Amino acid sequence: MDDYKKKLGSLASKIKNETPQTPLQQVQPIKTLTVSADDQEARFNNWIPKGLKRKIKAYGAQNDISQKDITIQALQQFLKKNGNE
């Protein structure tokens, strides 16, 4: 029991003497697509497989692009490929 009290006492004095070190967080803006002034935003809500969602999130994190922009680019490419743009 005395050993525990000694350890606890030394811990308290150590905490008092040392200044706390706060981690620094780096904030970086993500790349966004430029939308023309004519295009207003509209809500687009649908269900996709969880695996695809994980891949989109991982790709966005690795390439600093939002999930919204990935979706917009994918839909634009789909329409261009199918001749509907």
N, C-alpha and C. Protein backbone atom coordinates (compact mmCIF):
# COMPACT_ATOMS: atom_id res chain seq x y z
N MET A 1 0.82 -1.20 0.00
CA MET A 1 0.00 0.00 0.00
C MET A 1 0.87 1.26 0.00
N ASP A 2 1.97 1.21 0.75
CA ASP A 2 2.87 2.37 0.79
C ASP A 2 3.50 2.61 -0.58
N ASP A 3 3.82 1.52 -1.27
CA ASP A 3 4.42 1.64 -2.61
C ASP A 3 3.45 2.34 -3.56
N TYR A 4 2.17 2.00 -3.47
CA TYR A 4 1.14 2.62 -4.30
C TYR A 4 1.06 4.11 -4.02
N LYS A 5 1.11 4.49 -2.73
CA LYS A 5 1.03 5.91 -2.36
C LYS A 5 2.23 6.68 -2.88
N LYS A 6 3.41 6.06 -2.85
CA LYS A 6 4.62 6.71 -3.36
C LYS A 6 4.50 6.94 -4.87
N LYS A 7 4.02 5.91 -5.58
CA LYS A 7 3.86 6.04 -7.03
C LYS A 7 2.83 7.12 -7.37
N LEU A 8 1.75 7.13 -6.60
CA LEU A 8 0.70 8.12 -6.83
C LEU A 8 1.21 9.52 -6.55
N GLY A 9 1.98 9.67 -5.48
CA GLY A 9 2.55 10.97 -5.14
C GLY A 9 3.52 11.47 -6.19
N SER A 10 4.37 10.56 -6.69
CA SER A 10 5.31 10.98 -7.72
C SER A 10 4.59 11.33 -9.02
N LEU A 11 3.50 10.65 -9.30
CA LEU A 11 2.72 10.96 -10.49
C LEU A 11 2.10 12.35 -10.38
N ALA A 12 1.57 12.67 -9.21
CA ALA A 12 0.96 13.99 -9.01
C ALA A 12 1.98 15.10 -9.18
N SER A 13 3.17 14.93 -8.61
CA SER A 13 4.20 15.96 -8.75
C SER A 13 4.68 16.06 -10.19
N LYS A 14 4.73 14.93 -10.88
CA LYS A 14 5.14 14.92 -12.28
C LYS A 14 4.13 15.70 -13.13
N ILE A 15 2.86 15.50 -12.85
CA ILE A 15 1.80 16.19 -13.60
C ILE A 15 1.87 17.70 -13.34
N LYS A 16 2.14 18.08 -12.11
CA LYS A 16 2.21 19.50 -11.76
C LYS A 16 3.40 20.18 -12.43
N ASN A 17 4.52 19.49 -12.54
CA ASN A 17 5.75 20.10 -13.06
C ASN A 17 5.81 20.13 -14.59
N GLU A 18 5.19 19.18 -15.25
CA GLU A 18 5.27 19.14 -16.71
C GLU A 18 4.13 19.93 -17.33
N THR A 19 4.45 20.66 -18.39
CA THR A 19 3.41 21.39 -19.12
C THR A 19 2.75 20.43 -20.11
N PRO A 20 1.46 20.49 -20.22
CA PRO A 20 0.78 19.57 -21.15
C PRO A 20 1.13 19.89 -22.60
N GLN A 21 1.30 18.85 -23.38
CA GLN A 21 1.60 19.02 -24.80
C GLN A 21 0.33 18.75 -25.60
N THR A 22 -0.13 19.76 -26.27
CA THR A 22 -1.33 19.58 -27.08
C THR A 22 -0.92 19.28 -28.51
N PRO A 23 -1.55 18.29 -29.13
CA PRO A 23 -1.20 17.96 -30.51
C PRO A 23 -1.68 19.05 -31.46
N LEU A 24 -0.90 19.31 -32.48
CA LEU A 24 -1.28 20.30 -33.48
C LEU A 24 -1.96 19.60 -34.64
N GLN A 25 -3.05 20.16 -35.08
CA GLN A 25 -3.81 19.58 -36.16
C GLN A 25 -3.68 20.47 -37.38
N GLN A 26 -3.38 19.86 -38.51
CA GLN A 26 -3.23 20.61 -39.74
C GLN A 26 -4.52 20.52 -40.55
N VAL A 27 -5.05 21.67 -40.93
CA VAL A 27 -6.29 21.71 -41.69
C VAL A 27 -5.96 22.09 -43.13
N GLN A 28 -6.41 21.27 -44.07
CA GLN A 28 -6.18 21.54 -45.48
C GLN A 28 -7.52 21.56 -46.20
N PRO A 29 -7.75 22.58 -47.02
CA PRO A 29 -9.01 22.61 -47.76
C PRO A 29 -9.03 21.53 -48.83
N ILE A 30 -10.24 21.03 -49.13
CA ILE A 30 -10.37 20.02 -50.16
C ILE A 30 -10.64 20.69 -51.49
N LYS A 31 -10.30 20.01 -52.57
CA LYS A 31 -10.55 20.53 -53.90
C LYS A 31 -12.04 20.42 -54.21
N THR A 32 -12.59 21.44 -54.83
CA THR A 32 -14.00 21.40 -55.20
C THR A 32 -14.15 21.73 -56.67
N LEU A 33 -15.18 21.21 -57.28
CA LEU A 33 -15.48 21.51 -58.67
C LEU A 33 -16.08 22.90 -58.77
N THR A 34 -15.80 23.56 -59.86
CA THR A 34 -16.44 24.85 -60.08
C THR A 34 -17.75 24.60 -60.83
N VAL A 35 -18.80 25.17 -60.30
CA VAL A 35 -20.13 25.02 -60.89
C VAL A 35 -20.50 26.37 -61.49
N SER A 36 -21.02 26.33 -62.71
CA SER A 36 -21.38 27.58 -63.36
C SER A 36 -22.52 28.27 -62.61
N ALA A 37 -22.63 29.55 -62.83
CA ALA A 37 -23.66 30.34 -62.12
C ALA A 37 -25.07 29.90 -62.53
N ASP A 38 -25.20 29.33 -63.72
CA ASP A 38 -26.52 28.90 -64.20
C ASP A 38 -27.01 27.66 -63.47
N ASP A 39 -26.10 26.84 -62.99
CA ASP A 39 -26.46 25.58 -62.34
C ASP A 39 -26.73 25.79 -60.85
N GLN A 40 -27.98 25.63 -60.48
CA GLN A 40 -28.32 25.65 -59.07
C GLN A 40 -28.25 24.23 -58.55
N GLU A 41 -27.98 24.08 -57.28
CA GLU A 41 -27.87 22.75 -56.70
C GLU A 41 -29.25 22.21 -56.36
N ALA A 42 -29.39 20.88 -56.53
CA ALA A 42 -30.62 20.18 -56.18
C ALA A 42 -30.24 18.94 -55.38
N ARG A 43 -31.12 18.52 -54.53
CA ARG A 43 -30.86 17.35 -53.69
C ARG A 43 -30.88 16.09 -54.54
N PHE A 44 -29.89 15.21 -54.30
CA PHE A 44 -29.80 13.93 -55.00
C PHE A 44 -29.53 12.88 -53.94
N ASN A 45 -30.50 12.02 -53.71
CA ASN A 45 -30.41 11.06 -52.61
C ASN A 45 -30.74 9.67 -53.14
N ASN A 46 -29.81 8.73 -52.93
CA ASN A 46 -30.07 7.37 -53.35
C ASN A 46 -29.25 6.40 -52.50
N TRP A 47 -29.56 5.11 -52.63
CA TRP A 47 -28.87 4.08 -51.87
C TRP A 47 -27.85 3.39 -52.77
N ILE A 48 -26.62 3.19 -52.23
CA ILE A 48 -25.58 2.48 -52.97
C ILE A 48 -25.00 1.40 -52.06
N PRO A 49 -24.33 0.40 -52.63
CA PRO A 49 -23.72 -0.64 -51.80
C PRO A 49 -22.65 -0.07 -50.86
N LYS A 50 -22.57 -0.65 -49.65
CA LYS A 50 -21.61 -0.16 -48.65
C LYS A 50 -20.17 -0.23 -49.14
N GLY A 51 -19.85 -1.29 -49.88
CA GLY A 51 -18.49 -1.43 -50.39
C GLY A 51 -18.12 -0.30 -51.33
N LEU A 52 -19.05 0.09 -52.19
CA LEU A 52 -18.81 1.20 -53.11
C LEU A 52 -18.65 2.51 -52.34
N LYS A 53 -19.46 2.70 -51.32
CA LYS A 53 -19.38 3.90 -50.48
C LYS A 53 -18.00 4.00 -49.83
N ARG A 54 -17.49 2.86 -49.30
CA ARG A 54 -16.17 2.84 -48.68
C ARG A 54 -15.08 3.20 -49.68
N LYS A 55 -15.21 2.67 -50.91
CA LYS A 55 -14.22 2.97 -51.95
C LYS A 55 -14.23 4.44 -52.32
N ILE A 56 -15.43 5.03 -52.41
CA ILE A 56 -15.55 6.45 -52.73
C ILE A 56 -14.93 7.30 -51.63
N LYS A 57 -15.21 6.96 -50.37
CA LYS A 57 -14.63 7.70 -49.24
C LYS A 57 -13.11 7.61 -49.24
N ALA A 58 -12.59 6.40 -49.47
CA ALA A 58 -11.13 6.21 -49.48
C ALA A 58 -10.49 6.99 -50.63
N TYR A 59 -11.10 6.92 -51.81
CA TYR A 59 -10.58 7.66 -52.96
C TYR A 59 -10.58 9.16 -52.68
N GLY A 60 -11.67 9.64 -52.11
CA GLY A 60 -11.76 11.07 -51.79
C GLY A 60 -10.71 11.50 -50.79
N ALA A 61 -10.47 10.69 -49.77
CA ALA A 61 -9.47 11.03 -48.76
C ALA A 61 -8.06 11.03 -49.36
N GLN A 62 -7.78 10.07 -50.23
CA GLN A 62 -6.45 9.97 -50.83
C GLN A 62 -6.19 11.08 -51.84
N ASN A 63 -7.22 11.55 -52.50
CA ASN A 63 -7.06 12.53 -53.58
C ASN A 63 -7.60 13.92 -53.24
N ASP A 64 -7.94 14.15 -51.97
CA ASP A 64 -8.45 15.45 -51.51
C ASP A 64 -9.62 15.94 -52.36
N ILE A 65 -10.61 15.11 -52.54
CA ILE A 65 -11.80 15.48 -53.30
C ILE A 65 -13.03 15.00 -52.52
N SER A 66 -14.07 15.79 -52.53
CA SER A 66 -15.26 15.44 -51.75
C SER A 66 -16.07 14.35 -52.45
N GLN A 67 -16.88 13.66 -51.67
CA GLN A 67 -17.74 12.62 -52.22
C GLN A 67 -18.75 13.23 -53.19
N LYS A 68 -19.17 14.42 -52.90
CA LYS A 68 -20.10 15.13 -53.78
C LYS A 68 -19.48 15.35 -55.15
N ASP A 69 -18.23 15.80 -55.18
CA ASP A 69 -17.56 16.06 -56.45
C ASP A 69 -17.28 14.77 -57.22
N ILE A 70 -16.96 13.70 -56.49
CA ILE A 70 -16.76 12.39 -57.15
C ILE A 70 -18.06 11.97 -57.83
N THR A 71 -19.17 12.13 -57.13
CA THR A 71 -20.48 11.76 -57.69
C THR A 71 -20.82 12.60 -58.91
N ILE A 72 -20.58 13.90 -58.83
CA ILE A 72 -20.87 14.79 -59.96
C ILE A 72 -20.04 14.39 -61.17
N GLN A 73 -18.74 14.16 -60.95
CA GLN A 73 -17.87 13.77 -62.07
C GLN A 73 -18.31 12.44 -62.68
N ALA A 74 -18.66 11.48 -61.84
CA ALA A 74 -19.08 10.17 -62.34
C ALA A 74 -20.36 10.29 -63.17
N LEU A 75 -21.32 11.07 -62.70
CA LEU A 75 -22.58 11.23 -63.44
C LEU A 75 -22.36 11.98 -64.74
N GLN A 76 -21.49 13.00 -64.74
CA GLN A 76 -21.19 13.73 -65.97
C GLN A 76 -20.52 12.82 -67.00
N GLN A 77 -19.59 11.98 -66.55
CA GLN A 77 -18.93 11.04 -67.47
C GLN A 77 -19.92 10.02 -68.01
N PHE A 78 -20.82 9.55 -67.16
CA PHE A 78 -21.84 8.59 -67.60
C PHE A 78 -22.71 9.19 -68.69
N LEU A 79 -23.17 10.43 -68.48
CA LEU A 79 -24.03 11.07 -69.46
C LEU A 79 -23.26 11.36 -70.75
N LYS A 80 -22.01 11.77 -70.64
CA LYS A 80 -21.20 12.04 -71.83
C LYS A 80 -21.00 10.76 -72.63
N LYS A 81 -20.71 9.67 -71.94
CA LYS A 81 -20.49 8.37 -72.59
C LYS A 81 -21.74 7.89 -73.30
N ASN A 82 -22.90 8.14 -72.72
CA ASN A 82 -24.15 7.66 -73.29
C ASN A 82 -24.83 8.70 -74.19
N GLY A 83 -24.13 9.79 -74.48
CA GLY A 83 -24.64 10.78 -75.43
C GLY A 83 -25.82 11.58 -74.94
N ASN A 84 -25.92 11.80 -73.65
CA ASN A 84 -27.07 12.55 -73.12
C ASN A 84 -26.68 13.87 -72.48
N GLU A 85 -25.49 14.37 -72.77
CA GLU A 85 -25.11 15.62 -72.12
C GLU A 85 -25.28 16.78 -73.05
